[in-house]
Amino acid sequence: MYRLKDFGSYTAGGRVHVVSGEPVETIQFTPTTSYRFDPNGHLLVEHAYVQYFVPENRNEAPPVLLVHGGGMTGTMWETTPDGRPGWLQLLLQRGFEVHVVDNVERGRAGWHPGLWDGAPVVRTMEEAWSLFRIGAEEDFAARAPFPRQRFPVTHLDGLCRQFVPRWTSTLPQQAAALTEVILRLGQCRVICHSQGAQVVFSAIERCPGHVEHITALEPSGLPSRPVEPSVQMVFGDFTDATPTWRGLIERCESFAETGGAKVTWLDLAAAGLPGHSHMMMMDEGNERVLARVLESY
């Protein structure tokens, strides 16, 4: 258990967006109240929302910044779909100050229609089943997972309820907002997941010297050149399940080979922790995965 010394939230980054030339209309605000709505004016957009937690027994390490993956929000770090402590709670138990991001156009960061190129996409349950390596695509209907799978399959709905619409064109905006979060912290360590790793790698180029260590959980995006902080790349099991994952592993291996001594590779199955999915922070045994990750700290 842990007690909090402080917690709260803040926003970082963003810009002012001006809307003009749109029609004014009367809308039905509630069933009994109409309202003259004028959409023209100044809006604050493209910022990140961050919630922070400081435990009473705070250790001396820099804050840990948790960065979600694609189609997700900071909720993914809080509690597992079957109700066990998530990595946020487990880090607080260990005395870390933790900051949890909802990045641009996700969760409580908010968004405004028409700002970004393309239409938002939403992940289906079927895609999550196979892409997150819970089971084979053809076994979704029967909910038959891979053998020794550690994801709590009976609570798949709990994971899928966390999915939110996402744009695929907002990397520059997300990196800019995350840069402002990092600058505000001054010094931090980052744990990022999947697409969130690309955002982190893009952000640290803008604020050198502020991130001392990155744990990239199955990153789907990589930097174009060696990075300044040390990087731990972490992979779960069943990574030969699809061509998508086989290709991603090859790209990550190539980056690890060219990244020098600062890049380390943690294969959970090879390290005696088999059965973990892409959502290792939610799997049964997530506390053991985090303990292994923190050995690099």
C-alpha atoms as a PDB file:
ATOM      1  CA  MET A   1       0.000   0.000   0.000  1.00  0.00           C
ATOM      2  CA  TYR A   2       0.993   3.627  -0.317  1.00  0.00           C
ATOM      3  CA  ARG A   3      -0.151   7.061   0.766  1.00  0.00           C
ATOM      4  CA  LEU A   4      -0.094  10.100  -1.481  1.00  0.00           C
ATOM      5  CA  LYS A   5       1.633  13.305  -0.467  1.00  0.00           C
ATOM      6  CA  ASP A   6       0.200  15.131  -3.463  1.00  0.00           C
ATOM      7  CA  PHE A   7      -1.691  14.542  -6.696  1.00  0.00           C
ATOM      8  CA  GLY A   8      -3.243  16.726  -9.335  1.00  0.00           C
ATOM      9  CA  SER A   9      -3.189  17.534 -13.023  1.00  0.00           C
ATOM     10  CA  TYR A  10      -1.934  20.050 -15.544  1.00  0.00           C
ATOM     11  CA  THR A  11      -1.844  20.657 -19.287  1.00  0.00           C
ATOM     12  CA  ALA A  12       1.241  21.266 -21.397  1.00  0.00           C
ATOM     13  CA  GLY A  13       1.881  22.611 -24.874  1.00  0.00           C
ATOM     14  CA  GLY A  14      -0.765  23.392 -27.440  1.00  0.00           C
ATOM     15  CA  ARG A  15      -1.755  26.494 -29.334  1.00  0.00           C
ATOM     16  CA  VAL A  16      -4.611  28.894 -29.995  1.00  0.00           C
ATOM     17  CA  HIS A  17      -6.819  27.961 -32.943  1.00  0.00           C
ATOM     18  CA  VAL A  18      -9.099  30.608 -34.457  1.00  0.00           C
ATOM     19  CA  VAL A  19     -12.414  29.632 -36.034  1.00  0.00           C
ATOM     20  CA  SER A  20     -14.176  32.133 -38.297  1.00  0.00           C
ATOM     21  CA  GLY A  21     -16.846  32.183 -40.947  1.00  0.00           C
ATOM     22  CA  GLU A  22     -18.952  29.413 -39.443  1.00  0.00           C
ATOM     23  CA  PRO A  23     -22.737  29.852 -39.169  1.00  0.00           C
ATOM     24  CA  VAL A  24     -24.379  30.718 -35.880  1.00  0.00           C
ATOM     25  CA  GLU A  25     -27.240  28.401 -35.019  1.00  0.00           C
ATOM     26  CA  THR A  26     -29.721  27.647 -32.302  1.00  0.00           C
ATOM     27  CA  ILE A  27     -29.130  24.279 -30.674  1.00  0.00           C
ATOM     28  CA  GLN A  28     -31.183  22.328 -28.167  1.00  0.00           C
ATOM     29  CA  PHE A  29     -28.810  22.430 -25.208  1.00  0.00           C
ATOM     30  CA  THR A  30     -31.052  20.232 -23.065  1.00  0.00           C
ATOM     31  CA  PRO A  31     -34.542  18.847 -23.717  1.00  0.00           C
ATOM     32  CA  THR A  32     -35.984  22.008 -22.128  1.00  0.00           C
ATOM     33  CA  THR A  33     -33.408  24.670 -23.063  1.00  0.00           C
ATOM     34  CA  SER A  34     -32.291  25.996 -26.438  1.00  0.00           C
ATOM     35  CA  TYR A  35     -29.099  27.969 -26.907  1.00  0.00           C
ATOM     36  CA  ARG A  36     -27.677  30.348 -29.540  1.00  0.00           C
ATOM     37  CA  PHE A  37     -24.373  28.713 -30.411  1.00  0.00           C
ATOM     38  CA  ASP A  38     -21.609  30.692 -32.112  1.00  0.00           C
ATOM     39  CA  PRO A  39     -18.639  28.415 -33.006  1.00  0.00           C
ATOM     40  CA  ASN A  40     -16.458  31.327 -34.105  1.00  0.00           C
ATOM     41  CA  GLY A  41     -13.675  32.469 -31.824  1.00  0.00           C
ATOM     42  CA  HIS A  42     -10.503  31.320 -30.133  1.00  0.00           C
ATOM     43  CA  LEU A  43      -9.973  27.724 -29.018  1.00  0.00           C
ATOM     44  CA  LEU A  44      -7.118  26.125 -27.083  1.00  0.00           C
ATOM     45  CA  VAL A  45      -6.028  22.935 -28.855  1.00  0.00           C
ATOM     46  CA  GLU A  46      -3.222  20.374 -29.232  1.00  0.00           C
ATOM     47  CA  HIS A  47      -2.132  20.269 -25.606  1.00  0.00           C
ATOM     48  CA  ALA A  48      -1.435  17.207 -23.466  1.00  0.00           C
ATOM     49  CA  TYR A  49      -3.290  16.462 -20.236  1.00  0.00           C
ATOM     50  CA  VAL A  50      -1.143  15.061 -17.433  1.00  0.00           C
ATOM     51  CA  GLN A  51      -2.143  13.647 -14.047  1.00  0.00           C
ATOM     52  CA  TYR A  52       0.609  13.386 -11.445  1.00  0.00           C
ATOM     53  CA  PHE A  53       0.984  11.427  -8.213  1.00  0.00           C
ATOM     54  CA  VAL A  54       3.572  11.935  -5.479  1.00  0.00           C
ATOM     55  CA  PRO A  55       3.760   9.227  -2.764  1.00  0.00           C
ATOM     56  CA  GLU A  56       4.623  10.052   0.839  1.00  0.00           C
ATOM     57  CA  ASN A  57       7.566   7.669   0.677  1.00  0.00           C
ATOM     58  CA  ARG A  58       8.899   9.258  -2.521  1.00  0.00           C
ATOM     59  CA  ASN A  59      12.289   7.908  -3.515  1.00  0.00           C
ATOM     60  CA  GLU A  60      15.150  10.036  -4.832  1.00  0.00           C
ATOM     61  CA  ALA A  61      14.788   8.969  -8.456  1.00  0.00           C
ATOM     62  CA  PRO A  62      13.528  11.387 -11.111  1.00  0.00           C
ATOM     63  CA  PRO A  63       9.798  11.243 -11.890  1.00  0.00           C
ATOM     64  CA  VAL A  64       8.556   8.463 -14.152  1.00  0.00           C
ATOM     65  CA  LEU A  65       6.552   9.627 -17.172  1.00  0.00           C
ATOM     66  CA  LEU A  66       4.079   7.052 -18.545  1.00  0.00           C
ATOM     67  CA  VAL A  67       3.210   7.462 -22.240  1.00  0.00           C
ATOM     68  CA  HIS A  68       0.337   5.453 -23.741  1.00  0.00           C
ATOM     69  CA  GLY A  69       0.248   3.746 -27.119  1.00  0.00           C
ATOM     70  CA  GLY A  70      -1.943   4.219 -30.185  1.00  0.00           C
ATOM     71  CA  GLY A  71      -5.687   4.314 -29.679  1.00  0.00           C
ATOM     72  CA  MET A  72      -5.186   4.347 -25.913  1.00  0.00           C
ATOM     73  CA  THR A  73      -5.054   6.918 -23.097  1.00  0.00           C
ATOM     74  CA  GLY A  74      -3.313   7.096 -19.741  1.00  0.00           C
ATOM     75  CA  THR A  75      -6.035   4.819 -18.386  1.00  0.00           C
ATOM     76  CA  MET A  76      -4.020   1.849 -19.615  1.00  0.00           C
ATOM     77  CA  TRP A  77      -1.536   2.281 -16.760  1.00  0.00           C
ATOM     78  CA  GLU A  78      -4.032   2.592 -13.903  1.00  0.00           C
ATOM     79  CA  THR A  79      -5.790  -0.734 -13.234  1.00  0.00           C
ATOM     80  CA  THR A  80      -5.792  -4.003 -15.175  1.00  0.00           C
ATOM     81  CA  PRO A  81      -9.026  -5.073 -16.911  1.00  0.00           C
ATOM     82  CA  ASP A  82      -9.596  -7.669 -14.188  1.00  0.00           C
ATOM     83  CA  GLY A  83      -9.061  -5.205 -11.335  1.00  0.00           C
ATOM     84  CA  ARG A  84      -5.450  -5.756 -10.276  1.00  0.00           C
ATOM     85  CA  PRO A  85      -3.036  -2.841  -9.656  1.00  0.00           C
ATOM     86  CA  GLY A  86      -1.628  -1.369 -12.858  1.00  0.00           C
ATOM     87  CA  TRP A  87       1.885  -0.063 -13.294  1.00  0.00           C
ATOM     88  CA  LEU A  88       0.884   3.368 -11.998  1.00  0.00           C
ATOM     89  CA  GLN A  89      -0.053   1.888  -8.637  1.00  0.00           C
ATOM     90  CA  LEU A  90       2.920  -0.479  -8.592  1.00  0.00           C
ATOM     91  CA  LEU A  91       5.343   2.393  -9.249  1.00  0.00           C
ATOM     92  CA  LEU A  92       3.771   4.428  -6.456  1.00  0.00           C
ATOM     93  CA  GLN A  93       4.199   1.477  -4.102  1.00  0.00           C
ATOM     94  CA  ARG A  94       7.913   1.589  -4.918  1.00  0.00           C
ATOM     95  CA  GLY A  95       8.105   5.287  -4.092  1.00  0.00           C
ATOM     96  CA  PHE A  96       8.273   6.772  -7.584  1.00  0.00           C
ATOM     97  CA  GLU A  97       6.639  10.073  -8.444  1.00  0.00           C
ATOM     98  CA  VAL A  98       4.563   9.312 -11.551  1.00  0.00           C
ATOM     99  CA  HIS A  99       3.125  11.531 -14.302  1.00  0.00           C
ATOM    100  CA  VAL A 100       0.567   9.945 -16.664  1.00  0.00           C
ATOM    101  CA  VAL A 101      -0.070  11.501 -20.090  1.00  0.00           C
ATOM    102  CA  ASP A 102      -3.207  11.781 -22.197  1.00  0.00           C
ATOM    103  CA  ASN A 103      -1.574  13.132 -25.341  1.00  0.00           C
ATOM    104  CA  VAL A 104      -2.985  15.311 -28.117  1.00  0.00           C
ATOM    105  CA  GLU A 105      -6.480  14.196 -29.292  1.00  0.00           C
ATOM    106  CA  ARG A 106      -6.681  11.471 -26.640  1.00  0.00           C
ATOM    107  CA  GLY A 107      -8.710  11.183 -23.442  1.00  0.00           C
ATOM    108  CA  ARG A 108      -8.889  14.314 -21.357  1.00  0.00           C
ATOM    109  CA  ALA A 109      -6.637  16.291 -23.689  1.00  0.00           C
ATOM    110  CA  GLY A 110      -9.676  16.907 -25.888  1.00  0.00           C
ATOM    111  CA  TRP A 111      -9.836  17.770 -29.557  1.00  0.00           C
ATOM    112  CA  HIS A 112     -11.626  19.933 -32.108  1.00  0.00           C
ATOM    113  CA  PRO A 113     -13.121  18.689 -35.423  1.00  0.00           C
ATOM    114  CA  GLY A 114     -11.235  19.440 -38.607  1.00  0.00           C
ATOM    115  CA  LEU A 115      -7.793  20.113 -37.137  1.00  0.00           C
ATOM    116  CA  TRP A 116      -5.888  17.148 -38.560  1.00  0.00           C
ATOM    117  CA  ASP A 117      -5.539  15.338 -41.856  1.00  0.00           C
ATOM    118  CA  GLY A 118      -7.574  12.209 -42.407  1.00  0.00           C
ATOM    119  CA  ALA A 119     -10.337  10.608 -40.405  1.00  0.00           C
ATOM    120  CA  PRO A 120      -9.876   9.045 -36.970  1.00  0.00           C
ATOM    121  CA  VAL A 121      -9.641   5.277 -36.734  1.00  0.00           C
ATOM    122  CA  VAL A 122     -10.958   3.081 -33.942  1.00  0.00           C
ATOM    123  CA  ARG A 123      -9.548  -0.322 -33.031  1.00  0.00           C
ATOM    124  CA  THR A 124     -11.970  -3.237 -33.117  1.00  0.00           C
ATOM    125  CA  MET A 125     -11.979  -6.132 -30.674  1.00  0.00           C
ATOM    126  CA  GLU A 126     -10.895  -8.454 -33.477  1.00  0.00           C
ATOM    127  CA  GLU A 127      -7.890  -6.290 -34.286  1.00  0.00           C
ATOM    128  CA  ALA A 128      -6.909  -6.081 -30.633  1.00  0.00           C
ATOM    129  CA  TRP A 129      -7.113  -9.853 -30.282  1.00  0.00           C
ATOM    130  CA  SER A 130      -4.606 -10.550 -33.040  1.00  0.00           C
ATOM    131  CA  LEU A 131      -2.492  -7.361 -33.041  1.00  0.00           C
ATOM    132  CA  PHE A 132      -1.942  -7.527 -29.288  1.00  0.00           C
ATOM    133  CA  ARG A 133      -1.058 -11.240 -29.653  1.00  0.00           C
ATOM    134  CA  ILE A 134      -3.729 -12.542 -27.317  1.00  0.00           C
ATOM    135  CA  GLY A 135      -4.614 -15.300 -29.763  1.00  0.00           C
ATOM    136  CA  ALA A 136      -4.727 -16.261 -33.411  1.00  0.00           C
ATOM    137  CA  GLU A 137      -7.097 -14.279 -35.634  1.00  0.00           C
ATOM    138  CA  GLU A 138      -9.218 -17.343 -36.380  1.00  0.00           C
ATOM    139  CA  ASP A 139      -9.662 -18.066 -32.655  1.00  0.00           C
ATOM    140  CA  PHE A 140     -11.264 -14.739 -31.731  1.00  0.00           C
ATOM    141  CA  ALA A 141     -14.878 -15.970 -31.882  1.00  0.00           C
ATOM    142  CA  ALA A 142     -14.107 -18.835 -29.508  1.00  0.00           C
ATOM    143  CA  ARG A 143     -11.894 -16.601 -27.335  1.00  0.00           C
ATOM    144  CA  ALA A 144      -9.229 -19.311 -27.458  1.00  0.00           C
ATOM    145  CA  PRO A 145      -5.913 -17.640 -26.579  1.00  0.00           C
ATOM    146  CA  PHE A 146      -2.392 -18.766 -27.318  1.00  0.00           C
ATOM    147  CA  PRO A 147      -1.162 -21.495 -24.948  1.00  0.00           C
ATOM    148  CA  ARG A 148       0.233 -20.067 -21.656  1.00  0.00           C
ATOM    149  CA  GLN A 149      -1.180 -16.623 -22.553  1.00  0.00           C
ATOM    150  CA  ARG A 150      -1.095 -14.310 -19.510  1.00  0.00           C
ATOM    151  CA  PHE A 151      -3.594 -11.687 -20.642  1.00  0.00           C
ATOM    152  CA  PRO A 152      -6.850 -12.002 -18.607  1.00  0.00           C
ATOM    153  CA  VAL A 153      -8.880 -13.202 -21.585  1.00  0.00           C
ATOM    154  CA  THR A 154     -12.220 -13.284 -19.755  1.00  0.00           C
ATOM    155  CA  HIS A 155     -11.834  -9.524 -19.276  1.00  0.00           C
ATOM    156  CA  LEU A 156     -11.100  -8.640 -22.914  1.00  0.00           C
ATOM    157  CA  ASP A 157     -14.118  -6.315 -22.899  1.00  0.00           C
ATOM    158  CA  GLY A 158     -12.480  -4.260 -20.144  1.00  0.00           C
ATOM    159  CA  LEU A 159      -9.469  -3.615 -22.349  1.00  0.00           C
ATOM    160  CA  CYS A 160     -11.537  -2.783 -25.423  1.00  0.00           C
ATOM    161  CA  ARG A 161     -13.657  -0.274 -23.500  1.00  0.00           C
ATOM    162  CA  GLN A 162     -10.499   1.810 -23.148  1.00  0.00           C
ATOM    163  CA  PHE A 163     -10.081   2.283 -26.900  1.00  0.00           C
ATOM    164  CA  VAL A 164     -10.613   5.810 -28.239  1.00  0.00           C
ATOM    165  CA  PRO A 165     -10.546   7.280 -31.753  1.00  0.00           C
ATOM    166  CA  ARG A 166      -7.082   8.222 -32.954  1.00  0.00           C
ATOM    167  CA  TRP A 167      -5.593  10.108 -35.862  1.00  0.00           C
ATOM    168  CA  THR A 168      -2.539   8.760 -37.684  1.00  0.00           C
ATOM    169  CA  SER A 169      -1.339  12.219 -38.719  1.00  0.00           C
ATOM    170  CA  THR A 170      -0.700  13.896 -35.352  1.00  0.00           C
ATOM    171  CA  LEU A 171       2.864  12.794 -34.528  1.00  0.00           C
ATOM    172  CA  PRO A 172       4.263  16.362 -34.788  1.00  0.00           C
ATOM    173  CA  GLN A 173       1.585  17.729 -32.472  1.00  0.00           C
ATOM    174  CA  GLN A 174       1.972  14.883 -29.991  1.00  0.00           C
ATOM    175  CA  ALA A 175       5.759  15.226 -29.949  1.00  0.00           C
ATOM    176  CA  ALA A 176       5.498  18.988 -29.397  1.00  0.00           C
ATOM    177  CA  ALA A 177       3.115  18.573 -26.471  1.00  0.00           C
ATOM    178  CA  LEU A 178       5.192  15.799 -24.895  1.00  0.00           C
ATOM    179  CA  THR A 179       8.283  17.975 -25.223  1.00  0.00           C
ATOM    180  CA  GLU A 180       6.585  20.594 -23.059  1.00  0.00           C
ATOM    181  CA  VAL A 181       5.711  17.932 -20.466  1.00  0.00           C
ATOM    182  CA  ILE A 182       9.343  16.798 -20.324  1.00  0.00           C
ATOM    183  CA  LEU A 183      10.642  20.367 -20.072  1.00  0.00           C
ATOM    184  CA  ARG A 184       8.249  21.009 -17.200  1.00  0.00           C
ATOM    185  CA  LEU A 185       9.571  17.976 -15.328  1.00  0.00           C
ATOM    186  CA  GLY A 186      13.167  19.059 -15.852  1.00  0.00           C
ATOM    187  CA  GLN A 187      14.522  15.528 -15.523  1.00  0.00           C
ATOM    188  CA  CYS A 188      12.616  12.267 -15.885  1.00  0.00           C
ATOM    189  CA  ARG A 189      12.582   8.636 -16.890  1.00  0.00           C
ATOM    190  CA  VAL A 190      10.057   7.490 -19.486  1.00  0.00           C
ATOM    191  CA  ILE A 191       8.112   4.269 -19.892  1.00  0.00           C
ATOM    192  CA  CYS A 192       6.331   4.246 -23.242  1.00  0.00           C
ATOM    193  CA  HIS A 193       4.254   1.703 -25.133  1.00  0.00           C
ATOM    194  CA  SER A 194       3.973   0.836 -28.816  1.00  0.00           C
ATOM    195  CA  GLN A 195       3.190   3.956 -30.912  1.00  0.00           C
ATOM    196  CA  GLY A 196       3.967   6.102 -27.883  1.00  0.00           C
ATOM    197  CA  ALA A 197       7.642   5.245 -28.308  1.00  0.00           C
ATOM    198  CA  GLN A 198       7.707   7.089 -31.635  1.00  0.00           C
ATOM    199  CA  VAL A 199       6.302  10.152 -29.895  1.00  0.00           C
ATOM    200  CA  VAL A 200       8.941   9.908 -27.174  1.00  0.00           C
ATOM    201  CA  PHE A 201      11.826   9.463 -29.609  1.00  0.00           C
ATOM    202  CA  SER A 202      10.596  12.469 -31.593  1.00  0.00           C
ATOM    203  CA  ALA A 203      10.184  14.582 -28.448  1.00  0.00           C
ATOM    204  CA  ILE A 204      13.620  13.964 -26.944  1.00  0.00           C
ATOM    205  CA  GLU A 205      15.270  15.436 -30.031  1.00  0.00           C
ATOM    206  CA  ARG A 206      13.666  18.742 -28.996  1.00  0.00           C
ATOM    207  CA  CYS A 207      14.778  18.642 -25.357  1.00  0.00           C
ATOM    208  CA  PRO A 208      18.201  16.986 -25.062  1.00  0.00           C
ATOM    209  CA  GLY A 209      19.466  16.252 -21.575  1.00  0.00           C
ATOM    210  CA  HIS A 210      16.075  16.011 -19.884  1.00  0.00           C
ATOM    211  CA  VAL A 211      15.371  12.275 -20.206  1.00  0.00           C
ATOM    212  CA  GLU A 212      17.915   9.973 -18.613  1.00  0.00           C
ATOM    213  CA  HIS A 213      16.347   6.609 -19.498  1.00  0.00           C
ATOM    214  CA  ILE A 214      13.624   5.263 -21.813  1.00  0.00           C
ATOM    215  CA  THR A 215      11.868   1.930 -21.402  1.00  0.00           C
ATOM    216  CA  ALA A 216      10.185   1.221 -24.739  1.00  0.00           C
ATOM    217  CA  LEU A 217       7.619  -1.557 -24.472  1.00  0.00           C
ATOM    218  CA  GLU A 218       7.375  -3.153 -27.920  1.00  0.00           C
ATOM    219  CA  PRO A 219       7.937   0.127 -29.784  1.00  0.00           C
ATOM    220  CA  SER A 220       6.248   0.436 -33.168  1.00  0.00           C
ATOM    221  CA  GLY A 221       8.252   3.537 -34.045  1.00  0.00           C
ATOM    222  CA  LEU A 222      11.998   4.132 -33.840  1.00  0.00           C
ATOM    223  CA  PRO A 223      14.381   7.086 -34.039  1.00  0.00           C
ATOM    224  CA  SER A 224      16.271   7.741 -37.248  1.00  0.00           C
ATOM    225  CA  ARG A 225      19.609   7.941 -35.415  1.00  0.00           C
ATOM    226  CA  PRO A 226      21.147   6.885 -32.072  1.00  0.00           C
ATOM    227  CA  VAL A 227      19.545   8.634 -29.122  1.00  0.00           C
ATOM    228  CA  GLU A 228      21.119  10.369 -26.132  1.00  0.00           C
ATOM    229  CA  PRO A 229      19.499   8.573 -23.173  1.00  0.00           C
ATOM    230  CA  SER A 230      19.834   4.850 -22.521  1.00  0.00           C
ATOM    231  CA  VAL A 231      17.028   2.784 -24.042  1.00  0.00           C
ATOM    232  CA  GLN A 232      15.666  -0.520 -22.805  1.00  0.00           C
ATOM    233  CA  MET A 233      13.555  -2.313 -25.398  1.00  0.00           C
ATOM    234  CA  VAL A 234      11.134  -4.866 -23.933  1.00  0.00           C
ATOM    235  CA  PHE A 235       9.273  -7.597 -25.823  1.00  0.00           C
ATOM    236  CA  GLY A 236       6.710 -10.169 -24.777  1.00  0.00           C
ATOM    237  CA  ASP A 237       5.929 -13.584 -26.194  1.00  0.00           C
ATOM    238  CA  PHE A 238       4.375 -14.881 -29.445  1.00  0.00           C
ATOM    239  CA  THR A 239       6.230 -12.283 -31.564  1.00  0.00           C
ATOM    240  CA  ASP A 240       6.394 -14.709 -34.495  1.00  0.00           C
ATOM    241  CA  ALA A 241       2.584 -14.866 -34.646  1.00  0.00           C
ATOM    242  CA  THR A 242       2.106 -12.468 -37.580  1.00  0.00           C
ATOM    243  CA  PRO A 243       4.159 -10.896 -40.398  1.00  0.00           C
ATOM    244  CA  THR A 244       3.533  -7.498 -38.776  1.00  0.00           C
ATOM    245  CA  TRP A 245       5.325  -8.522 -35.622  1.00  0.00           C
ATOM    246  CA  ARG A 246       8.118 -10.373 -37.387  1.00  0.00           C
ATOM    247  CA  GLY A 247       8.845  -7.247 -39.422  1.00  0.00           C
ATOM    248  CA  LEU A 248       8.728  -4.987 -36.375  1.00  0.00           C
ATOM    249  CA  ILE A 249      11.143  -7.217 -34.456  1.00  0.00           C
ATOM    250  CA  GLU A 250      13.585  -7.097 -37.362  1.00  0.00           C
ATOM    251  CA  ARG A 251      13.475  -3.301 -37.422  1.00  0.00           C
ATOM    252  CA  CYS A 252      13.953  -3.094 -33.657  1.00  0.00           C
ATOM    253  CA  GLU A 253      16.879  -5.524 -33.793  1.00  0.00           C
ATOM    254  CA  SER A 254      18.504  -3.380 -36.461  1.00  0.00           C
ATOM    255  CA  PHE A 255      18.083  -0.284 -34.293  1.00  0.00           C
ATOM    256  CA  ALA A 256      19.513  -2.094 -31.265  1.00  0.00           C
ATOM    257  CA  GLU A 257      22.560  -3.141 -33.278  1.00  0.00           C
ATOM    258  CA  THR A 258      23.254   0.417 -34.430  1.00  0.00           C
ATOM    259  CA  GLY A 259      22.307   2.135 -31.175  1.00  0.00           C
ATOM    260  CA  GLY A 260      25.479   1.160 -29.378  1.00  0.00           C
ATOM    261  CA  ALA A 261      25.971   0.251 -25.723  1.00  0.00           C
ATOM    262  CA  LYS A 262      23.111   2.494 -24.619  1.00  0.00           C
ATOM    263  CA  VAL A 263      20.468   0.147 -26.092  1.00  0.00           C
ATOM    264  CA  THR A 264      19.572  -3.004 -24.161  1.00  0.00           C
ATOM    265  CA  TRP A 265      17.128  -5.751 -25.173  1.00  0.00           C
ATOM    266  CA  LEU A 266      14.819  -7.555 -22.769  1.00  0.00           C
ATOM    267  CA  ASP A 267      13.034 -10.619 -24.141  1.00  0.00           C
ATOM    268  CA  LEU A 268      10.626 -11.532 -21.358  1.00  0.00           C
ATOM    269  CA  ALA A 269      10.191 -15.142 -22.448  1.00  0.00           C
ATOM    270  CA  ALA A 270      13.954 -15.666 -22.607  1.00  0.00           C
ATOM    271  CA  ALA A 271      14.257 -14.013 -19.190  1.00  0.00           C
ATOM    272  CA  GLY A 272      11.949 -16.592 -17.616  1.00  0.00           C
ATOM    273  CA  LEU A 273       8.699 -14.619 -17.983  1.00  0.00           C
ATOM    274  CA  PRO A 274       6.847 -16.367 -20.828  1.00  0.00           C
ATOM    275  CA  GLY A 275       3.302 -15.811 -22.038  1.00  0.00           C
ATOM    276  CA  HIS A 276       3.154 -12.017 -22.120  1.00  0.00           C
ATOM    277  CA  SER A 277       1.133 -10.146 -24.732  1.00  0.00           C
ATOM    278  CA  HIS A 278       1.581  -6.696 -26.237  1.00  0.00           C
ATOM    279  CA  MET A 279      -0.308  -5.446 -23.168  1.00  0.00           C
ATOM    280  CA  MET A 280       2.245  -6.710 -20.664  1.00  0.00           C
ATOM    281  CA  MET A 281       1.327  -3.997 -18.166  1.00  0.00           C
ATOM    282  CA  MET A 282      -2.123  -5.632 -17.918  1.00  0.00           C
ATOM    283  CA  ASP A 283      -1.139  -9.295 -18.054  1.00  0.00           C
ATOM    284  CA  GLU A 284      -1.196 -11.625 -15.088  1.00  0.00           C
ATOM    285  CA  GLY A 285       2.243 -11.244 -13.563  1.00  0.00           C
ATOM    286  CA  ASN A 286       2.498  -7.589 -14.606  1.00  0.00           C
ATOM    287  CA  GLU A 287       4.223  -6.865 -11.288  1.00  0.00           C
ATOM    288  CA  ARG A 288       7.039  -9.277 -12.164  1.00  0.00           C
ATOM    289  CA  VAL A 289       7.482  -7.647 -15.566  1.00  0.00           C
ATOM    290  CA  LEU A 290       7.752  -4.215 -13.961  1.00  0.00           C
ATOM    291  CA  ALA A 291      10.240  -5.515 -11.379  1.00  0.00           C
ATOM    292  CA  ARG A 292      12.392  -6.872 -14.210  1.00  0.00           C
ATOM    293  CA  VAL A 293      12.134  -3.596 -16.135  1.00  0.00           C
ATOM    294  CA  LEU A 294      13.171  -1.579 -13.095  1.00  0.00           C
ATOM    295  CA  GLU A 295      16.380  -3.573 -12.725  1.00  0.00           C
ATOM    296  CA  SER A 296      17.778  -1.272 -15.436  1.00  0.00           C
ATOM    297  CA  TYR A 297      17.102   1.762 -13.218  1.00  0.00           C
END
